[in-house]
């Protein structure tokens, strides 16, 4: 009986510890912004809409699997320089509040 009780407690501990790993603790704001955003994609690039304002995403590859209109939670920081800005393939202008780098998507 003690073996069955011990085995069930060990099994419960293993299952319970797996539930704690759902939150990615590497997702910290580091002085940036954090929260729900909407992904906006058009021919001028990839943007996130945060508090009704669009921001151009410098590292847009992190959002490559999300379609325009997707709701995601991100942590991001404003940046002044981006060497990987996309090449514009249309003559459209997309008003934005600046360039940001996404630190984490969850």
C-alpha atoms as a PDB file:
ATOM      1  CA  UNK A   1       0.000   0.000   0.000  1.00  0.00           C
ATOM      2  CA  UNK A   2       2.866   2.384   0.803  1.00  0.00           C
ATOM      3  CA  UNK A   3       4.352   1.746  -2.652  1.00  0.00           C
ATOM      4  CA  UNK A   4       1.083   2.655  -4.366  1.00  0.00           C
ATOM      5  CA  UNK A   5       0.740   5.814  -2.276  1.00  0.00           C
ATOM      6  CA  UNK A   6       4.360   6.793  -2.921  1.00  0.00           C
ATOM      7  CA  UNK A   7       4.018   6.132  -6.641  1.00  0.00           C
ATOM      8  CA  UNK A   8       0.828   8.182  -6.891  1.00  0.00           C
ATOM      9  CA  UNK A   9       2.412  11.105  -4.995  1.00  0.00           C
ATOM     10  CA  UNK A  10       5.440  11.057  -7.282  1.00  0.00           C
ATOM     11  CA  UNK A  11       3.175  10.915 -10.335  1.00  0.00           C
ATOM     12  CA  UNK A  12       1.106  13.849  -9.037  1.00  0.00           C
ATOM     13  CA  UNK A  13       4.267  15.872  -8.358  1.00  0.00           C
ATOM     14  CA  UNK A  14       5.561  15.264 -11.874  1.00  0.00           C
ATOM     15  CA  UNK A  15       2.230  16.231 -13.444  1.00  0.00           C
ATOM     16  CA  UNK A  16       1.932  19.303 -11.247  1.00  0.00           C
ATOM     17  CA  UNK A  17       5.405  20.548 -12.083  1.00  0.00           C
ATOM     18  CA  UNK A  18       4.603  20.412 -15.800  1.00  0.00           C
ATOM     19  CA  UNK A  19       1.750  22.870 -15.312  1.00  0.00           C
ATOM     20  CA  UNK A  20       4.092  25.505 -13.884  1.00  0.00           C
ATOM     21  CA  UNK A  21       6.090  25.726 -17.102  1.00  0.00           C
ATOM     22  CA  UNK A  22       3.287  27.225 -19.194  1.00  0.00           C
ATOM     23  CA  UNK A  23       4.351  30.792 -18.429  1.00  0.00           C
ATOM     24  CA  UNK A  24       7.538  31.828 -20.206  1.00  0.00           C
ATOM     25  CA  UNK A  25       9.502  33.677 -17.541  1.00  0.00           C
ATOM     26  CA  UNK A  26      11.901  35.042 -20.163  1.00  0.00           C
ATOM     27  CA  UNK A  27       9.097  37.378 -21.283  1.00  0.00           C
ATOM     28  CA  UNK A  28       9.898  40.437 -19.237  1.00  0.00           C
ATOM     29  CA  UNK A  29       9.260  43.981 -20.334  1.00  0.00           C
ATOM     30  CA  UNK A  30      12.783  45.335 -19.637  1.00  0.00           C
ATOM     31  CA  UNK A  31      11.431  48.857 -19.524  1.00  0.00           C
ATOM     32  CA  UNK A  32       9.410  48.400 -22.697  1.00  0.00           C
ATOM     33  CA  UNK A  33       5.741  47.794 -23.252  1.00  0.00           C
ATOM     34  CA  UNK A  34       3.764  44.629 -22.741  1.00  0.00           C
ATOM     35  CA  UNK A  35       0.259  43.521 -23.515  1.00  0.00           C
ATOM     36  CA  UNK A  36      -2.231  42.485 -26.154  1.00  0.00           C
ATOM     37  CA  UNK A  37      -1.701  43.796 -29.692  1.00  0.00           C
ATOM     38  CA  UNK A  38      -3.108  43.228 -33.159  1.00  0.00           C
ATOM     39  CA  UNK A  39      -0.826  42.217 -36.022  1.00  0.00           C
ATOM     40  CA  UNK A  40      -1.214  44.427 -39.102  1.00  0.00           C
ATOM     41  CA  UNK A  41       0.452  43.418 -42.361  1.00  0.00           C
ATOM     42  CA  UNK A  42       0.391  45.192 -45.692  1.00  0.00           C
ATOM     43  CA  UNK A  43       2.760  45.783 -48.584  1.00  0.00           C
ATOM     44  CA  UNK A  44       4.736  48.367 -46.569  1.00  0.00           C
ATOM     45  CA  UNK A  45       5.673  45.959 -43.773  1.00  0.00           C
ATOM     46  CA  UNK A  46       4.548  44.361 -40.535  1.00  0.00           C
ATOM     47  CA  UNK A  47       3.085  46.480 -37.749  1.00  0.00           C
ATOM     48  CA  UNK A  48       1.546  45.938 -34.351  1.00  0.00           C
ATOM     49  CA  UNK A  49      -1.452  47.969 -33.239  1.00  0.00           C
ATOM     50  CA  UNK A  50      -1.095  48.871 -29.564  1.00  0.00           C
ATOM     51  CA  UNK A  51      -3.506  51.289 -27.883  1.00  0.00           C
ATOM     52  CA  UNK A  52      -4.951  52.280 -31.304  1.00  0.00           C
ATOM     53  CA  UNK A  53      -1.517  53.238 -32.687  1.00  0.00           C
ATOM     54  CA  UNK A  54       0.557  51.307 -35.228  1.00  0.00           C
ATOM     55  CA  UNK A  55       4.249  50.574 -34.734  1.00  0.00           C
ATOM     56  CA  UNK A  56       6.560  49.228 -37.457  1.00  0.00           C
ATOM     57  CA  UNK A  57       8.162  45.937 -36.364  1.00  0.00           C
ATOM     58  CA  UNK A  58      11.921  45.818 -36.931  1.00  0.00           C
ATOM     59  CA  UNK A  59      12.238  42.061 -36.380  1.00  0.00           C
ATOM     60  CA  UNK A  60       9.122  41.101 -38.339  1.00  0.00           C
ATOM     61  CA  UNK A  61      10.279  37.488 -38.803  1.00  0.00           C
ATOM     62  CA  UNK A  62       9.060  36.811 -35.267  1.00  0.00           C
ATOM     63  CA  UNK A  63       5.509  37.426 -36.537  1.00  0.00           C
ATOM     64  CA  UNK A  64       5.845  35.623 -39.865  1.00  0.00           C
ATOM     65  CA  UNK A  65       3.327  32.910 -38.929  1.00  0.00           C
ATOM     66  CA  UNK A  66       0.624  35.358 -37.829  1.00  0.00           C
ATOM     67  CA  UNK A  67      -1.833  36.789 -40.329  1.00  0.00           C
ATOM     68  CA  UNK A  68      -3.033  40.368 -40.367  1.00  0.00           C
ATOM     69  CA  UNK A  69      -5.705  40.816 -37.729  1.00  0.00           C
ATOM     70  CA  UNK A  70      -4.263  38.221 -35.327  1.00  0.00           C
ATOM     71  CA  UNK A  71      -4.436  39.103 -31.647  1.00  0.00           C
ATOM     72  CA  UNK A  72      -1.257  38.243 -29.716  1.00  0.00           C
ATOM     73  CA  UNK A  73       0.441  39.241 -26.482  1.00  0.00           C
ATOM     74  CA  UNK A  74       3.900  40.711 -26.905  1.00  0.00           C
ATOM     75  CA  UNK A  75       6.616  42.520 -25.063  1.00  0.00           C
ATOM     76  CA  UNK A  76       8.354  45.181 -27.142  1.00  0.00           C
ATOM     77  CA  UNK A  77      10.700  48.136 -26.948  1.00  0.00           C
ATOM     78  CA  UNK A  78      11.043  51.246 -29.070  1.00  0.00           C
ATOM     79  CA  UNK A  79      14.206  51.424 -31.129  1.00  0.00           C
ATOM     80  CA  UNK A  80      15.855  54.225 -33.059  1.00  0.00           C
ATOM     81  CA  UNK A  81      17.707  52.109 -35.617  1.00  0.00           C
ATOM     82  CA  UNK A  82      16.736  49.000 -37.528  1.00  0.00           C
ATOM     83  CA  UNK A  83      19.069  47.440 -40.090  1.00  0.00           C
ATOM     84  CA  UNK A  84      16.467  44.879 -41.188  1.00  0.00           C
ATOM     85  CA  UNK A  85      13.619  47.149 -42.244  1.00  0.00           C
ATOM     86  CA  UNK A  86      11.678  45.549 -45.083  1.00  0.00           C
ATOM     87  CA  UNK A  87      12.089  46.697 -48.667  1.00  0.00           C
ATOM     88  CA  UNK A  88       8.956  48.571 -49.641  1.00  0.00           C
ATOM     89  CA  UNK A  89       7.211  46.936 -52.558  1.00  0.00           C
ATOM     90  CA  UNK A  90       4.355  49.384 -53.042  1.00  0.00           C
ATOM     91  CA  UNK A  91       3.669  53.085 -53.165  1.00  0.00           C
ATOM     92  CA  UNK A  92       1.433  53.038 -50.125  1.00  0.00           C
ATOM     93  CA  UNK A  93       2.073  55.075 -46.979  1.00  0.00           C
ATOM     94  CA  UNK A  94       1.320  53.516 -43.592  1.00  0.00           C
ATOM     95  CA  UNK A  95       1.273  56.048 -40.780  1.00  0.00           C
ATOM     96  CA  UNK A  96       3.046  54.765 -37.674  1.00  0.00           C
ATOM     97  CA  UNK A  97       4.364  55.926 -34.326  1.00  0.00           C
ATOM     98  CA  UNK A  98       7.907  54.621 -34.828  1.00  0.00           C
ATOM     99  CA  UNK A  99       9.979  51.463 -35.062  1.00  0.00           C
ATOM    100  CA  UNK A 100       9.898  48.798 -32.357  1.00  0.00           C
ATOM    101  CA  UNK A 101      11.634  45.509 -31.643  1.00  0.00           C
ATOM    102  CA  UNK A 102       9.551  42.641 -30.292  1.00  0.00           C
ATOM    103  CA  UNK A 103      11.247  40.928 -27.359  1.00  0.00           C
ATOM    104  CA  UNK A 104       8.750  38.166 -26.752  1.00  0.00           C
ATOM    105  CA  UNK A 105       5.467  36.732 -28.083  1.00  0.00           C
ATOM    106  CA  UNK A 106       3.197  34.674 -25.910  1.00  0.00           C
END
